[in-house]
PDB file of N, CA and C in Angstrom:
ATOM      1  N   VAL A   1     -15.913 -15.102  43.567  1.00  0.00           N
ATOM      2  CA  VAL A   1     -16.150 -16.633  42.174  1.00  0.00           C
ATOM      3  C   VAL A   1     -16.375 -16.042  40.856  1.00  0.00           C
ATOM      4  N   ASN A   2     -17.324 -15.022  40.541  1.00  0.00           N
ATOM      5  CA  ASN A   2     -16.939 -14.820  38.992  1.00  0.00           C
ATOM      6  C   ASN A   2     -15.610 -14.394  38.711  1.00  0.00           C
ATOM      7  N   ARG A   3     -15.152 -13.657  39.578  1.00  0.00           N
ATOM      8  CA  ARG A   3     -13.864 -13.001  39.108  1.00  0.00           C
ATOM      9  C   ARG A   3     -12.844 -14.253  38.874  1.00  0.00           C
ATOM     10  N   LEU A   4     -13.015 -15.481  39.272  1.00  0.00           N
ATOM     11  CA  LEU A   4     -12.109 -16.701  39.285  1.00  0.00           C
ATOM     12  C   LEU A   4     -13.006 -17.489  37.376  1.00  0.00           C
ATOM     13  N   LEU A   5     -13.963 -17.300  37.097  1.00  0.00           N
ATOM     14  CA  LEU A   5     -14.886 -17.771  36.405  1.00  0.00           C
ATOM     15  C   LEU A   5     -14.373 -16.900  35.353  1.00  0.00           C
ATOM     16  N   GLY A   6     -14.044 -15.664  35.109  1.00  0.00           N
ATOM     17  CA  GLY A   6     -14.149 -14.663  34.306  1.00  0.00           C
ATOM     18  C   GLY A   6     -15.117 -14.254  33.574  1.00  0.00           C
ATOM     19  N   VAL A   7     -16.488 -14.073  34.603  1.00  0.00           N
ATOM     20  CA  VAL A   7     -17.556 -14.125  34.610  1.00  0.00           C
ATOM     21  C   VAL A   7     -17.413 -11.927  34.632  1.00  0.00           C
ATOM     22  N   ALA A   8     -17.997 -11.521  33.971  1.00  0.00           N
ATOM     23  CA  ALA A   8     -18.176 -10.137  34.126  1.00  0.00           C
ATOM     24  C   ALA A   8     -19.461  -9.283  34.968  1.00  0.00           C
ATOM     25  N   ASP A   9     -19.079  -8.685  35.943  1.00  0.00           N
ATOM     26  CA  ASP A   9     -20.348  -8.362  37.061  1.00  0.00           C
ATOM     27  C   ASP A   9     -21.256  -7.473  36.334  1.00  0.00           C
ATOM     28  N   ASP A  10     -22.445  -6.492  36.681  1.00  0.00           N
ATOM     29  CA  ASP A  10     -22.940  -5.925  36.107  1.00  0.00           C
ATOM     30  C   ASP A  10     -23.009  -4.695  35.819  1.00  0.00           C
ATOM     31  N   SER A  11     -21.988  -4.512  36.908  1.00  0.00           N
ATOM     32  CA  SER A  11     -21.596  -2.744  37.040  1.00  0.00           C
ATOM     33  C   SER A  11     -21.240  -2.330  35.141  1.00  0.00           C
ATOM     34  N   GLU A  12     -21.941  -1.082  34.968  1.00  0.00           N
ATOM     35  CA  GLU A  12     -21.744  -0.158  33.390  1.00  0.00           C
ATOM     36  C   GLU A  12     -20.134  -0.293  33.433  1.00  0.00           C
ATOM     37  N   PRO A  13     -19.403  -0.394  32.028  1.00  0.00           N
ATOM     38  CA  PRO A  13     -18.181  -0.448  32.231  1.00  0.00           C
ATOM     39  C   PRO A  13     -17.705   1.347  32.106  1.00  0.00           C
ATOM     40  N   GLU A  14     -16.807   1.362  32.478  1.00  0.00           N
ATOM     41  CA  GLU A  14     -15.899   3.318  32.335  1.00  0.00           C
ATOM     42  C   GLU A  14     -15.993   3.772  31.147  1.00  0.00           C
ATOM     43  N   GLU A  15     -16.844   4.139  31.103  1.00  0.00           N
ATOM     44  CA  GLU A  15     -15.994   5.407  29.546  1.00  0.00           C
ATOM     45  C   GLU A  15     -14.616   5.854  29.799  1.00  0.00           C
ATOM     46  N   VAL A  16     -13.747   5.371  28.368  1.00  0.00           N
ATOM     47  CA  VAL A  16     -12.128   6.128  29.092  1.00  0.00           C
ATOM     48  C   VAL A  16     -12.341   7.258  27.502  1.00  0.00           C
ATOM     49  N   LYS A  17     -11.691   8.272  27.947  1.00  0.00           N
ATOM     50  CA  LYS A  17     -11.629   9.068  27.220  1.00  0.00           C
ATOM     51  C   LYS A  17     -10.432   9.777  26.639  1.00  0.00           C
ATOM     52  N   GLU A  18     -10.051   9.844  25.625  1.00  0.00           N
ATOM     53  CA  GLU A  18      -8.535  10.189  25.372  1.00  0.00           C
ATOM     54  C   GLU A  18      -8.814  11.605  25.292  1.00  0.00           C
ATOM     55  N   GLU A  19      -7.443  11.902  26.076  1.00  0.00           N
ATOM     56  CA  GLU A  19      -6.992  13.656  26.018  1.00  0.00           C
ATOM     57  C   GLU A  19      -7.374  14.169  24.725  1.00  0.00           C
ATOM     58  N   ILE A  20      -7.577  15.021  23.935  1.00  0.00           N
ATOM     59  CA  ILE A  20      -7.091  16.099  23.232  1.00  0.00           C
ATOM     60  C   ILE A  20      -5.919  16.154  22.633  1.00  0.00           C
ATOM     61  N   PRO A  21      -4.943  16.419  22.095  1.00  0.00           N
ATOM     62  CA  PRO A  21      -3.782  17.963  22.492  1.00  0.00           C
ATOM     63  C   PRO A  21      -3.429  18.553  22.012  1.00  0.00           C
ATOM     64  N   PHE A  22      -5.148  19.649  21.481  1.00  0.00           N
ATOM     65  CA  PHE A  22      -5.371  20.473  20.799  1.00  0.00           C
ATOM     66  C   PHE A  22      -5.229  21.348  21.735  1.00  0.00           C
ATOM     67  N   LEU A  23      -5.400  22.510  21.913  1.00  0.00           N
ATOM     68  CA  LEU A  23      -5.904  23.583  22.035  1.00  0.00           C
ATOM     69  C   LEU A  23      -6.915  24.635  21.032  1.00  0.00           C
ATOM     70  N   ILE A  24      -7.501  25.341  22.096  1.00  0.00           N
ATOM     71  CA  ILE A  24      -7.958  26.647  21.333  1.00  0.00           C
ATOM     72  C   ILE A  24      -6.851  27.747  20.859  1.00  0.00           C
ATOM     73  N   GLY A  25      -6.990  27.610  19.559  1.00  0.00           N
ATOM     74  CA  GLY A  25      -6.545  28.892  18.722  1.00  0.00           C
ATOM     75  C   GLY A  25      -5.351  28.699  18.327  1.00  0.00           C
ATOM     76  N   GLN A  26      -5.156  26.773  18.798  1.00  0.00           N
ATOM     77  CA  GLN A  26      -3.908  26.301  18.337  1.00  0.00           C
ATOM     78  C   GLN A  26      -3.650  26.501  16.494  1.00  0.00           C
ATOM     79  N   ALA A  27      -2.318  26.434  16.126  1.00  0.00           N
ATOM     80  CA  ALA A  27      -2.237  26.221  14.089  1.00  0.00           C
ATOM     81  C   ALA A  27      -1.730  24.699  14.308  1.00  0.00           C
ATOM     82  N   VAL A  28      -2.735  24.075  13.039  1.00  0.00           N
ATOM     83  CA  VAL A  28      -2.643  22.561  13.066  1.00  0.00           C
ATOM     84  C   VAL A  28      -2.489  22.826  11.467  1.00  0.00           C
ATOM     85  N   ALA A  29      -1.906  21.478  10.981  1.00  0.00           N
ATOM     86  CA  ALA A  29      -1.649  20.900  10.067  1.00  0.00           C
ATOM     87  C   ALA A  29      -2.710  19.564   9.359  1.00  0.00           C
ATOM     88  N   ILE A  30      -3.327  19.993   8.696  1.00  0.00           N
ATOM     89  CA  ILE A  30      -4.514  18.789   8.752  1.00  0.00           C
ATOM     90  C   ILE A  30      -3.891  17.828   7.204  1.00  0.00           C
ATOM     91  N   THR A  31      -3.481  16.194   7.845  1.00  0.00           N
ATOM     92  CA  THR A  31      -3.032  15.083   7.244  1.00  0.00           C
ATOM     93  C   THR A  31      -3.153  14.010   6.686  1.00  0.00           C
ATOM     94  N   GLU A  32      -4.462  14.195   6.561  1.00  0.00           N
ATOM     95  CA  GLU A  32      -5.263  13.381   6.476  1.00  0.00           C
ATOM     96  C   GLU A  32      -7.121  13.411   5.818  1.00  0.00           C
ATOM     97  N   GLY A  33      -7.210  12.736   5.346  1.00  0.00           N
ATOM     98  CA  GLY A  33      -9.161  13.189   4.612  1.00  0.00           C
ATOM     99  C   GLY A  33      -8.945  14.284   3.710  1.00  0.00           C
ATOM    100  N   PRO A  34     -10.046  14.396   3.054  1.00  0.00           N
ATOM    101  CA  PRO A  34     -10.054  15.791   1.752  1.00  0.00           C
ATOM    102  C   PRO A  34      -9.310  16.685   2.456  1.00  0.00           C
ATOM    103  N   PHE A  35      -8.883  17.168   3.153  1.00  0.00           N
ATOM    104  CA  PHE A  35      -8.975  18.289   3.179  1.00  0.00           C
ATOM    105  C   PHE A  35      -7.009  18.634   3.606  1.00  0.00           C
ATOM    106  N   THR A  36      -6.485  17.060   2.959  1.00  0.00           N
ATOM    107  CA  THR A  36      -4.862  17.021   3.496  1.00  0.00           C
ATOM    108  C   THR A  36      -4.623  17.909   3.217  1.00  0.00           C
ATOM    109  N   ASP A  37      -2.820  18.491   3.128  1.00  0.00           N
ATOM    110  CA  ASP A  37      -2.085  19.208   3.253  1.00  0.00           C
ATOM    111  C   ASP A  37      -3.051  21.214   3.384  1.00  0.00           C
ATOM    112  N   PHE A  38      -4.394  21.034   3.596  1.00  0.00           N
ATOM    113  CA  PHE A  38      -4.375  22.145   4.242  1.00  0.00           C
ATOM    114  C   PHE A  38      -3.754  22.554   5.668  1.00  0.00           C
ATOM    115  N   ASN A  39      -3.890  23.899   5.865  1.00  0.00           N
ATOM    116  CA  ASN A  39      -3.849  24.072   7.692  1.00  0.00           C
ATOM    117  C   ASN A  39      -5.215  24.897   8.149  1.00  0.00           C
ATOM    118  N   GLY A  40      -4.716  25.364   8.968  1.00  0.00           N
ATOM    119  CA  GLY A  40      -5.888  25.394   9.730  1.00  0.00           C
ATOM    120  C   GLY A  40      -5.841  25.937  11.884  1.00  0.00           C
ATOM    121  N   THR A  41      -7.042  26.855  12.396  1.00  0.00           N
ATOM    122  CA  THR A  41      -6.639  26.859  13.554  1.00  0.00           C
ATOM    123  C   THR A  41      -8.237  25.920  14.096  1.00  0.00           C
ATOM    124  N   VAL A  42      -7.366  25.513  15.602  1.00  0.00           N
ATOM    125  CA  VAL A  42      -9.176  24.844  16.170  1.00  0.00           C
ATOM    126  C   VAL A  42      -9.046  26.402  16.792  1.00  0.00           C
ATOM    127  N   GLU A  43     -10.777  26.106  16.635  1.00  0.00           N
ATOM    128  CA  GLU A  43     -11.674  26.528  17.218  1.00  0.00           C
ATOM    129  C   GLU A  43     -12.164  26.324  18.118  1.00  0.00           C
ATOM    130  N   GLU A  44     -12.601  24.838  18.146  1.00  0.00           N
ATOM    131  CA  GLU A  44     -13.606  23.933  19.725  1.00  0.00           C
ATOM    132  C   GLU A  44     -13.278  22.662  19.657  1.00  0.00           C
ATOM    133  N   VAL A  45     -12.843  22.114  20.751  1.00  0.00           N
ATOM    134  CA  VAL A  45     -12.042  20.575  20.761  1.00  0.00           C
ATOM    135  C   VAL A  45     -13.483  20.136  21.212  1.00  0.00           C
ATOM    136  N   LEU A  46     -13.512  18.855  20.654  1.00  0.00           N
ATOM    137  CA  LEU A  46     -15.120  17.713  21.203  1.00  0.00           C
ATOM    138  C   LEU A  46     -14.406  16.623  21.554  1.00  0.00           C
ATOM    139  N   PRO A  47     -14.403  17.049  22.746  1.00  0.00           N
ATOM    140  CA  PRO A  47     -13.673  16.032  23.781  1.00  0.00           C
ATOM    141  C   PRO A  47     -14.879  14.671  23.865  1.00  0.00           C
ATOM    142  N   ASP A  48     -15.836  14.864  23.749  1.00  0.00           N
ATOM    143  CA  ASP A  48     -17.058  13.691  23.820  1.00  0.00           C
ATOM    144  C   ASP A  48     -17.383  12.930  22.389  1.00  0.00           C
ATOM    145  N   LYS A  49     -16.674  13.515  21.469  1.00  0.00           N
ATOM    146  CA  LYS A  49     -16.664  12.930  19.634  1.00  0.00           C
ATOM    147  C   LYS A  49     -15.103  12.116  19.441  1.00  0.00           C
ATOM    148  N   GLY A  50     -14.441  13.036  20.176  1.00  0.00           N
ATOM    149  CA  GLY A  50     -13.035  13.070  19.266  1.00  0.00           C
ATOM    150  C   GLY A  50     -12.419  13.318  18.582  1.00  0.00           C
ATOM    151  N   LYS A  51     -13.196  14.626  18.281  1.00  0.00           N
ATOM    152  CA  LYS A  51     -12.655  15.312  17.498  1.00  0.00           C
ATOM    153  C   LYS A  51     -12.360  16.659  17.953  1.00  0.00           C
ATOM    154  N   VAL A  52     -12.040  17.762  16.416  1.00  0.00           N
ATOM    155  CA  VAL A  52     -11.526  18.904  16.999  1.00  0.00           C
ATOM    156  C   VAL A  52     -12.313  19.581  15.411  1.00  0.00           C
ATOM    157  N   ARG A  53     -13.219  20.923  16.068  1.00  0.00           N
ATOM    158  CA  ARG A  53     -13.299  22.023  14.550  1.00  0.00           C
ATOM    159  C   ARG A  53     -12.356  23.062  14.573  1.00  0.00           C
ATOM    160  N   VAL A  54     -12.132  22.728  13.029  1.00  0.00           N
ATOM    161  CA  VAL A  54     -11.158  23.781  12.955  1.00  0.00           C
ATOM    162  C   VAL A  54     -11.471  24.498  11.531  1.00  0.00           C
ATOM    163  N   SER A  55     -10.883  25.925  11.856  1.00  0.00           N
ATOM    164  CA  SER A  55     -11.361  26.799  11.047  1.00  0.00           C
ATOM    165  C   SER A  55     -10.213  26.893   9.556  1.00  0.00           C
ATOM    166  N   VAL A  56     -10.766  26.671   8.209  1.00  0.00           N
ATOM    167  CA  VAL A  56      -9.557  26.225   6.825  1.00  0.00           C
ATOM    168  C   VAL A  56      -9.838  27.370   6.323  1.00  0.00           C
ATOM    169  N   SER A  57      -9.221  27.995   5.536  1.00  0.00           N
ATOM    170  CA  SER A  57      -9.545  28.471   3.956  1.00  0.00           C
ATOM    171  C   SER A  57      -9.778  27.775   2.666  1.00  0.00           C
ATOM    172  N   LEU A  58     -11.302  28.239   2.633  1.00  0.00           N
ATOM    173  CA  LEU A  58     -11.343  27.487   1.439  1.00  0.00           C
ATOM    174  C   LEU A  58     -12.167  28.452   0.314  1.00  0.00           C
ATOM    175  N   PHE A  59     -11.227  28.516  -0.959  1.00  0.00           N
ATOM    176  CA  PHE A  59     -11.870  29.829  -1.538  1.00  0.00           C
ATOM    177  C   PHE A  59     -12.017  31.391  -0.746  1.00  0.00           C
ATOM    178  N   GLY A  60     -10.393  31.577  -0.155  1.00  0.00           N
ATOM    179  CA  GLY A  60     -10.902  32.785   0.670  1.00  0.00           C
ATOM    180  C   GLY A  60     -11.484  32.624   1.881  1.00  0.00           C
ATOM    181  N   ARG A  61     -12.305  31.978   2.128  1.00  0.00           N
ATOM    182  CA  ARG A  61     -12.729  32.177   2.467  1.00  0.00           C
ATOM    183  C   ARG A  61     -12.727  31.331   4.045  1.00  0.00           C
ATOM    184  N   PRO A  62     -12.859  32.049   5.427  1.00  0.00           N
ATOM    185  CA  PRO A  62     -13.320  30.622   6.881  1.00  0.00           C
ATOM    186  C   PRO A  62     -14.171  30.095   6.472  1.00  0.00           C
ATOM    187  N   THR A  63     -13.533  28.649   6.852  1.00  0.00           N
ATOM    188  CA  THR A  63     -14.561  27.727   6.966  1.00  0.00           C
ATOM    189  C   THR A  63     -14.261  26.561   8.080  1.00  0.00           C
ATOM    190  N   SER A  64     -15.325  26.530   9.058  1.00  0.00           N
ATOM    191  CA  SER A  64     -15.487  25.132   9.522  1.00  0.00           C
ATOM    192  C   SER A  64     -15.276  24.280   9.089  1.00  0.00           C
ATOM    193  N   VAL A  65     -14.247  22.799   9.750  1.00  0.00           N
ATOM    194  CA  VAL A  65     -15.121  21.585   9.580  1.00  0.00           C
ATOM    195  C   VAL A  65     -14.536  20.746  10.513  1.00  0.00           C
ATOM    196  N   GLU A  66     -15.129  20.239  10.972  1.00  0.00           N
ATOM    197  CA  GLU A  66     -14.942  19.019  12.117  1.00  0.00           C
ATOM    198  C   GLU A  66     -13.865  17.625  11.396  1.00  0.00           C
ATOM    199  N   LEU A  67     -12.801  17.267  12.362  1.00  0.00           N
ATOM    200  CA  LEU A  67     -11.851  16.389  11.939  1.00  0.00           C
ATOM    201  C   LEU A  67     -11.951  15.308  13.183  1.00  0.00           C
ATOM    202  N   ASP A  68     -11.569  14.384  13.202  1.00  0.00           N
ATOM    203  CA  ASP A  68     -10.993  13.399  14.098  1.00  0.00           C
ATOM    204  C   ASP A  68      -9.602  14.196  14.431  1.00  0.00           C
ATOM    205  N   TYR A  69      -9.237  14.240  16.401  1.00  0.00           N
ATOM    206  CA  TYR A  69      -8.025  14.536  16.423  1.00  0.00           C
ATOM    207  C   TYR A  69      -7.051  14.137  15.799  1.00  0.00           C
ATOM    208  N   LEU A  70      -7.154  12.407  15.154  1.00  0.00           N
ATOM    209  CA  LEU A  70      -6.035  11.949  14.919  1.00  0.00           C
ATOM    210  C   LEU A  70      -5.455  12.761  13.463  1.00  0.00           C
ATOM    211  N   GLN A  71      -6.580  13.145  12.732  1.00  0.00           N
ATOM    212  CA  GLN A  71      -5.950  13.985  11.249  1.00  0.00           C
ATOM    213  C   GLN A  71      -5.336  14.913  11.260  1.00  0.00           C
ATOM    214  N   LEU A  72      -4.886  15.671  12.976  1.00  0.00           N
ATOM    215  CA  LEU A  72      -4.183  16.583  12.386  1.00  0.00           C
ATOM    216  C   LEU A  72      -2.806  16.677  13.227  1.00  0.00           C
ATOM    217  N   LYS A  73      -1.712  17.855  13.048  1.00  0.00           N
ATOM    218  CA  LYS A  73      -1.071  17.585  13.355  1.00  0.00           C
ATOM    219  C   LYS A  73      -0.798  19.273  13.648  1.00  0.00           C
ATOM    220  N   GLY A  74      -0.061  19.218  15.159  1.00  0.00           N
ATOM    221  CA  GLY A  74       0.028  20.675  15.983  1.00  0.00           C
ATOM    222  C   GLY A  74       1.009  20.948  15.516  1.00  0.00           C
ATOM    223  N   TYR A  75       1.327  22.327  15.166  1.00  0.00           N
ATOM    224  CA  TYR A  75       3.087  22.890  15.403  1.00  0.00           C
ATOM    225  C   TYR A  75       3.685  23.492  16.594  1.00  0.00           C
TER     226      TYR A  75
END
């Protein structure tokens, strides 16, 4: 009856996690945000957050930045 009335049941909604299409060590280009046009290497994939930790070179030093995976393009 609840289905016919469009009433939601009390079960918890399932979490839908998108698959992040990057691998550790993969070369990427940053396409959005303050690091646009920087290139880097994937250090860590954080699927729970939908983010990727990328190592980029800032002033000649490797720096780790956490970015949304939609801000990246893989090679």
